[in-house]
Amino acid sequence: MEKKHLTCIVCPMGCRLEVTLDNGKVTQVTGNTCPRGKKYAETELTAPMRTLTSTVKINGRYEKLLPVKTTPMPKGNMEKAMKLINEITVSAPIKRGTVIAHDFTAPGVELIAGKSIE
């Protein structure tokens, strides 16, 4: 058995979690004041997810960069995501919330425009 310590980031409480793992499987979570802490610990230690924020190029505009973000994706895909983002160029007009790329780094992961450009 192994013990890990995490600080939950799901809400402003910032609970200090103690997680017990047995062969890589979470068997116990303590220190959380709500059920979200347990779910966070389980996900973070077995299949961590991240949301990436960045910018992509805008073709032929005064504004050269469009802010974008991903939906949660596997943490291990961050490097792949940045390589793909560096290759993307969009054209105006584009509305905030528009999906720029479906299945971006994995099935179900989307790259979304963070700003409207007329």
N, C-alpha and C. Protein backbone atom coordinates (compact mmCIF):
# COMPACT_ATOMS: atom_id res chain seq x y z
N MET A 1 0.83 -1.18 0.00
CA MET A 1 0.00 0.00 0.00
C MET A 1 0.87 1.24 0.00
N GLU A 2 0.34 2.26 -0.64
CA GLU A 2 1.06 3.52 -0.79
C GLU A 2 0.12 4.67 -0.42
N LYS A 3 0.68 5.72 0.17
CA LYS A 3 -0.13 6.90 0.51
C LYS A 3 0.39 8.10 -0.28
N LYS A 4 -0.54 8.89 -0.79
CA LYS A 4 -0.22 10.13 -1.51
C LYS A 4 -0.99 11.27 -0.85
N HIS A 5 -0.42 12.46 -0.95
CA HIS A 5 -1.08 13.65 -0.43
C HIS A 5 -1.33 14.61 -1.57
N LEU A 6 -2.56 15.12 -1.64
CA LEU A 6 -2.96 16.07 -2.67
C LEU A 6 -3.71 17.22 -2.03
N THR A 7 -3.73 18.35 -2.71
CA THR A 7 -4.62 19.44 -2.35
C THR A 7 -5.71 19.49 -3.40
N CYS A 8 -6.94 19.35 -2.97
CA CYS A 8 -8.07 19.35 -3.91
C CYS A 8 -8.23 20.75 -4.50
N ILE A 9 -8.45 20.80 -5.81
CA ILE A 9 -8.59 22.09 -6.51
C ILE A 9 -9.98 22.27 -7.10
N VAL A 10 -10.92 21.40 -6.72
CA VAL A 10 -12.26 21.46 -7.31
C VAL A 10 -13.05 22.66 -6.81
N CYS A 11 -12.87 23.04 -5.56
CA CYS A 11 -13.58 24.20 -5.02
C CYS A 11 -12.61 25.04 -4.18
N PRO A 12 -13.02 26.20 -3.72
CA PRO A 12 -12.12 27.08 -2.96
C PRO A 12 -11.67 26.55 -1.59
N MET A 13 -12.28 25.48 -1.11
CA MET A 13 -11.91 24.95 0.21
C MET A 13 -10.46 24.47 0.25
N GLY A 14 -9.95 23.91 -0.85
CA GLY A 14 -8.56 23.45 -0.90
C GLY A 14 -8.25 22.37 0.11
N CYS A 15 -9.12 21.38 0.22
CA CYS A 15 -8.93 20.31 1.21
C CYS A 15 -7.63 19.56 0.96
N ARG A 16 -6.98 19.21 2.06
CA ARG A 16 -5.75 18.42 2.03
C ARG A 16 -6.17 16.95 2.08
N LEU A 17 -5.94 16.24 0.98
CA LEU A 17 -6.40 14.87 0.85
C LEU A 17 -5.26 13.89 1.12
N GLU A 18 -5.60 12.79 1.78
CA GLU A 18 -4.68 11.67 1.91
C GLU A 18 -5.33 10.51 1.16
N VAL A 19 -4.59 9.98 0.20
CA VAL A 19 -5.12 8.94 -0.67
C VAL A 19 -4.31 7.66 -0.46
N THR A 20 -5.00 6.57 -0.24
CA THR A 20 -4.37 5.27 -0.11
C THR A 20 -4.56 4.52 -1.42
N LEU A 21 -3.43 4.02 -1.95
CA LEU A 21 -3.47 3.24 -3.20
C LEU A 21 -2.98 1.84 -2.93
N ASP A 22 -3.60 0.89 -3.60
CA ASP A 22 -3.17 -0.50 -3.53
C ASP A 22 -3.03 -1.00 -4.97
N ASN A 23 -1.80 -1.25 -5.39
CA ASN A 23 -1.51 -1.65 -6.79
C ASN A 23 -2.07 -0.65 -7.80
N GLY A 24 -1.91 0.65 -7.51
CA GLY A 24 -2.34 1.70 -8.41
C GLY A 24 -3.82 2.01 -8.36
N LYS A 25 -4.58 1.35 -7.53
CA LYS A 25 -6.01 1.59 -7.40
C LYS A 25 -6.29 2.33 -6.10
N VAL A 26 -7.10 3.38 -6.20
CA VAL A 26 -7.46 4.16 -5.01
C VAL A 26 -8.39 3.33 -4.15
N THR A 27 -7.99 3.12 -2.89
CA THR A 27 -8.81 2.34 -1.96
C THR A 27 -9.45 3.20 -0.88
N GLN A 28 -8.86 4.39 -0.61
CA GLN A 28 -9.42 5.26 0.42
C GLN A 28 -8.98 6.69 0.17
N VAL A 29 -9.90 7.63 0.42
CA VAL A 29 -9.60 9.06 0.36
C VAL A 29 -10.11 9.67 1.66
N THR A 30 -9.24 10.40 2.35
CA THR A 30 -9.66 11.10 3.57
C THR A 30 -9.24 12.56 3.45
N GLY A 31 -9.89 13.40 4.27
CA GLY A 31 -9.57 14.82 4.30
C GLY A 31 -10.50 15.67 3.47
N ASN A 32 -11.32 15.05 2.62
CA ASN A 32 -12.24 15.81 1.78
C ASN A 32 -13.49 16.18 2.58
N THR A 33 -13.98 17.41 2.35
CA THR A 33 -15.20 17.84 3.03
C THR A 33 -16.43 17.64 2.16
N CYS A 34 -16.24 17.26 0.91
CA CYS A 34 -17.37 16.99 0.02
C CYS A 34 -17.02 15.83 -0.91
N PRO A 35 -18.01 15.22 -1.55
CA PRO A 35 -17.75 14.07 -2.42
C PRO A 35 -16.87 14.40 -3.63
N ARG A 36 -16.84 15.67 -4.00
CA ARG A 36 -16.03 16.06 -5.17
C ARG A 36 -14.54 15.82 -4.93
N GLY A 37 -14.10 15.92 -3.68
CA GLY A 37 -12.70 15.69 -3.36
C GLY A 37 -12.29 14.26 -3.63
N LYS A 38 -13.16 13.33 -3.29
CA LYS A 38 -12.87 11.91 -3.54
C LYS A 38 -12.75 11.66 -5.04
N LYS A 39 -13.70 12.19 -5.81
CA LYS A 39 -13.67 12.00 -7.27
C LYS A 39 -12.41 12.64 -7.87
N TYR A 40 -12.06 13.84 -7.39
CA TYR A 40 -10.85 14.51 -7.87
C TYR A 40 -9.61 13.65 -7.61
N ALA A 41 -9.48 13.13 -6.40
CA ALA A 41 -8.31 12.32 -6.05
C ALA A 41 -8.22 11.07 -6.91
N GLU A 42 -9.35 10.40 -7.10
CA GLU A 42 -9.36 9.19 -7.92
C GLU A 42 -8.93 9.49 -9.35
N THR A 43 -9.47 10.56 -9.93
CA THR A 43 -9.12 10.93 -11.31
C THR A 43 -7.67 11.37 -11.40
N GLU A 44 -7.23 12.20 -10.48
CA GLU A 44 -5.88 12.75 -10.53
C GLU A 44 -4.81 11.67 -10.42
N LEU A 45 -5.08 10.64 -9.67
CA LEU A 45 -4.06 9.61 -9.46
C LEU A 45 -4.18 8.42 -10.42
N THR A 46 -5.30 8.29 -11.12
CA THR A 46 -5.44 7.16 -12.04
C THR A 46 -5.51 7.59 -13.50
N ALA A 47 -6.11 8.73 -13.78
CA ALA A 47 -6.23 9.21 -15.17
C ALA A 47 -6.32 10.74 -15.16
N PRO A 48 -5.21 11.43 -14.85
CA PRO A 48 -5.26 12.90 -14.71
C PRO A 48 -5.67 13.60 -16.01
N MET A 49 -6.52 14.61 -15.84
CA MET A 49 -7.02 15.39 -16.97
C MET A 49 -6.61 16.85 -16.78
N ARG A 50 -6.42 17.55 -17.90
CA ARG A 50 -6.07 18.96 -17.87
C ARG A 50 -6.82 19.71 -18.96
N THR A 51 -7.07 21.00 -18.71
CA THR A 51 -7.60 21.90 -19.72
C THR A 51 -6.45 22.81 -20.12
N LEU A 52 -6.21 22.91 -21.41
CA LEU A 52 -5.11 23.73 -21.93
C LEU A 52 -5.66 25.02 -22.50
N THR A 53 -5.07 26.15 -22.13
CA THR A 53 -5.41 27.43 -22.75
C THR A 53 -4.20 27.91 -23.53
N SER A 54 -4.45 28.45 -24.72
CA SER A 54 -3.36 28.91 -25.57
C SER A 54 -3.94 29.88 -26.60
N THR A 55 -3.22 30.07 -27.68
CA THR A 55 -3.70 30.90 -28.79
C THR A 55 -3.37 30.21 -30.11
N VAL A 56 -4.18 30.52 -31.14
CA VAL A 56 -3.89 30.06 -32.49
C VAL A 56 -3.81 31.29 -33.39
N LYS A 57 -3.15 31.14 -34.53
CA LYS A 57 -2.98 32.24 -35.47
C LYS A 57 -4.30 32.54 -36.18
N ILE A 58 -4.49 33.83 -36.48
CA ILE A 58 -5.64 34.28 -37.27
C ILE A 58 -5.11 34.74 -38.62
N ASN A 59 -5.67 34.23 -39.67
CA ASN A 59 -5.24 34.53 -41.03
C ASN A 59 -5.62 35.95 -41.45
N GLY A 60 -4.62 36.77 -41.82
CA GLY A 60 -4.84 38.09 -42.42
C GLY A 60 -5.61 39.09 -41.60
N ARG A 61 -5.42 39.15 -40.31
CA ARG A 61 -6.13 40.10 -39.46
C ARG A 61 -5.15 40.98 -38.71
N TYR A 62 -5.66 42.15 -38.28
CA TYR A 62 -4.87 43.02 -37.43
C TYR A 62 -4.54 42.29 -36.13
N GLU A 63 -5.58 41.65 -35.56
CA GLU A 63 -5.34 40.80 -34.39
C GLU A 63 -4.74 39.51 -34.92
N LYS A 64 -3.60 39.15 -34.44
CA LYS A 64 -2.86 38.00 -34.97
C LYS A 64 -3.14 36.69 -34.26
N LEU A 65 -3.70 36.76 -33.01
CA LEU A 65 -3.89 35.54 -32.23
C LEU A 65 -5.30 35.46 -31.66
N LEU A 66 -5.85 34.26 -31.66
CA LEU A 66 -7.16 33.98 -31.09
C LEU A 66 -6.99 33.10 -29.86
N PRO A 67 -7.52 33.53 -28.70
CA PRO A 67 -7.42 32.68 -27.52
C PRO A 67 -8.29 31.43 -27.70
N VAL A 68 -7.77 30.28 -27.28
CA VAL A 68 -8.49 29.02 -27.37
C VAL A 68 -8.29 28.22 -26.08
N LYS A 69 -9.17 27.24 -25.88
CA LYS A 69 -8.98 26.32 -24.76
C LYS A 69 -9.51 24.96 -25.19
N THR A 70 -9.04 23.93 -24.49
CA THR A 70 -9.53 22.59 -24.77
C THR A 70 -10.55 22.21 -23.71
N THR A 71 -11.35 21.22 -24.03
CA THR A 71 -12.13 20.55 -22.99
C THR A 71 -11.13 19.65 -22.25
N PRO A 72 -11.47 19.15 -21.08
CA PRO A 72 -10.50 18.32 -20.36
C PRO A 72 -9.97 17.16 -21.22
N MET A 73 -8.66 16.99 -21.16
CA MET A 73 -8.00 15.93 -21.95
C MET A 73 -6.98 15.24 -21.08
N PRO A 74 -6.55 14.04 -21.47
CA PRO A 74 -5.53 13.35 -20.69
C PRO A 74 -4.26 14.20 -20.55
N LYS A 75 -3.74 14.27 -19.35
CA LYS A 75 -2.55 15.07 -19.06
C LYS A 75 -1.39 14.72 -19.99
N GLY A 76 -1.26 13.46 -20.35
CA GLY A 76 -0.17 13.01 -21.22
C GLY A 76 -0.25 13.54 -22.64
N ASN A 77 -1.37 14.16 -23.01
CA ASN A 77 -1.54 14.69 -24.37
C ASN A 77 -1.14 16.16 -24.50
N MET A 78 -0.63 16.77 -23.45
CA MET A 78 -0.32 18.20 -23.49
C MET A 78 0.71 18.55 -24.55
N GLU A 79 1.79 17.80 -24.66
CA GLU A 79 2.81 18.10 -25.65
C GLU A 79 2.25 17.95 -27.07
N LYS A 80 1.51 16.90 -27.31
CA LYS A 80 0.86 16.69 -28.61
C LYS A 80 -0.07 17.86 -28.93
N ALA A 81 -0.83 18.31 -27.93
CA ALA A 81 -1.77 19.42 -28.12
C ALA A 81 -1.04 20.70 -28.54
N MET A 82 0.07 21.01 -27.90
CA MET A 82 0.80 22.23 -28.25
C MET A 82 1.36 22.15 -29.66
N LYS A 83 1.84 20.99 -30.08
CA LYS A 83 2.32 20.84 -31.45
C LYS A 83 1.19 21.07 -32.45
N LEU A 84 0.02 20.52 -32.16
CA LEU A 84 -1.13 20.71 -33.05
C LEU A 84 -1.58 22.17 -33.07
N ILE A 85 -1.62 22.81 -31.91
CA ILE A 85 -2.04 24.21 -31.82
C ILE A 85 -1.12 25.10 -32.66
N ASN A 86 0.17 24.82 -32.64
CA ASN A 86 1.12 25.63 -33.40
C ASN A 86 0.92 25.51 -34.91
N GLU A 87 0.21 24.49 -35.36
CA GLU A 87 -0.03 24.30 -36.79
C GLU A 87 -1.37 24.87 -37.25
N ILE A 88 -2.21 25.31 -36.32
CA ILE A 88 -3.56 25.76 -36.67
C ILE A 88 -3.59 27.25 -36.98
N THR A 89 -4.29 27.59 -38.07
CA THR A 89 -4.58 28.97 -38.42
C THR A 89 -6.08 29.04 -38.72
N VAL A 90 -6.77 30.01 -38.14
CA VAL A 90 -8.20 30.18 -38.38
C VAL A 90 -8.44 31.45 -39.18
N SER A 91 -9.62 31.56 -39.75
CA SER A 91 -10.01 32.75 -40.51
C SER A 91 -11.24 33.36 -39.87
N ALA A 92 -11.31 34.69 -39.87
CA ALA A 92 -12.47 35.41 -39.36
C ALA A 92 -13.57 35.33 -40.41
N PRO A 93 -14.82 35.46 -40.02
CA PRO A 93 -15.31 35.65 -38.66
C PRO A 93 -15.36 34.32 -37.91
N ILE A 94 -15.23 34.42 -36.62
CA ILE A 94 -15.35 33.25 -35.75
C ILE A 94 -15.99 33.70 -34.46
N LYS A 95 -16.92 32.92 -33.95
CA LYS A 95 -17.63 33.28 -32.72
C LYS A 95 -17.05 32.55 -31.53
N ARG A 96 -17.06 33.24 -30.40
CA ARG A 96 -16.62 32.63 -29.14
C ARG A 96 -17.45 31.37 -28.90
N GLY A 97 -16.78 30.30 -28.50
CA GLY A 97 -17.47 29.04 -28.25
C GLY A 97 -17.49 28.10 -29.43
N THR A 98 -17.05 28.59 -30.61
CA THR A 98 -17.00 27.74 -31.80
C THR A 98 -15.95 26.65 -31.60
N VAL A 99 -16.31 25.43 -31.96
CA VAL A 99 -15.35 24.32 -31.88
C VAL A 99 -14.44 24.41 -33.11
N ILE A 100 -13.18 24.61 -32.87
CA ILE A 100 -12.19 24.72 -33.95
C ILE A 100 -11.73 23.34 -34.39
N ALA A 101 -11.62 22.40 -33.44
CA ALA A 101 -11.19 21.04 -33.78
C ALA A 101 -11.91 20.04 -32.88
N HIS A 102 -12.62 19.10 -33.50
CA HIS A 102 -13.25 17.99 -32.79
C HIS A 102 -12.23 16.88 -32.62
N ASP A 103 -12.36 16.08 -31.58
CA ASP A 103 -11.44 14.97 -31.33
C ASP A 103 -9.99 15.45 -31.46
N PHE A 104 -9.71 16.55 -30.80
CA PHE A 104 -8.45 17.27 -30.94
C PHE A 104 -7.21 16.44 -30.63
N THR A 105 -7.11 15.90 -29.43
CA THR A 105 -5.96 15.04 -29.09
C THR A 105 -6.40 13.64 -28.73
N ALA A 106 -7.70 13.48 -28.54
CA ALA A 106 -8.29 12.18 -28.19
C ALA A 106 -9.78 12.29 -28.50
N PRO A 107 -10.46 11.17 -28.64
CA PRO A 107 -11.91 11.23 -28.90
C PRO A 107 -12.64 12.03 -27.82
N GLY A 108 -13.49 12.94 -28.25
CA GLY A 108 -14.26 13.76 -27.34
C GLY A 108 -13.60 15.04 -26.87
N VAL A 109 -12.33 15.23 -27.16
CA VAL A 109 -11.62 16.45 -26.76
C VAL A 109 -11.80 17.49 -27.86
N GLU A 110 -12.23 18.69 -27.47
CA GLU A 110 -12.46 19.76 -28.44
C GLU A 110 -11.57 20.96 -28.15
N LEU A 111 -11.20 21.66 -29.23
CA LEU A 111 -10.48 22.93 -29.13
C LEU A 111 -11.50 24.01 -29.45
N ILE A 112 -11.67 24.96 -28.54
CA ILE A 112 -12.76 25.93 -28.60
C ILE A 112 -12.24 27.36 -28.64
N ALA A 113 -12.85 28.20 -29.49
CA ALA A 113 -12.51 29.62 -29.57
C ALA A 113 -12.94 30.33 -28.30
N GLY A 114 -12.05 31.18 -27.77
CA GLY A 114 -12.33 31.90 -26.53
C GLY A 114 -12.76 33.32 -26.74
N LYS A 115 -12.89 33.75 -28.00
CA LYS A 115 -13.23 35.15 -28.29
C LYS A 115 -13.88 35.21 -29.66
N SER A 116 -14.79 36.16 -29.83
CA SER A 116 -15.39 36.39 -31.15
C SER A 116 -14.53 37.36 -31.95
N ILE A 117 -14.30 37.03 -33.20
CA ILE A 117 -13.56 37.90 -34.11
C ILE A 117 -14.44 38.14 -35.34
N GLU A 118 -14.76 39.39 -35.59
CA GLU A 118 -15.61 39.73 -36.75
C GLU A 118 -14.81 39.81 -38.02
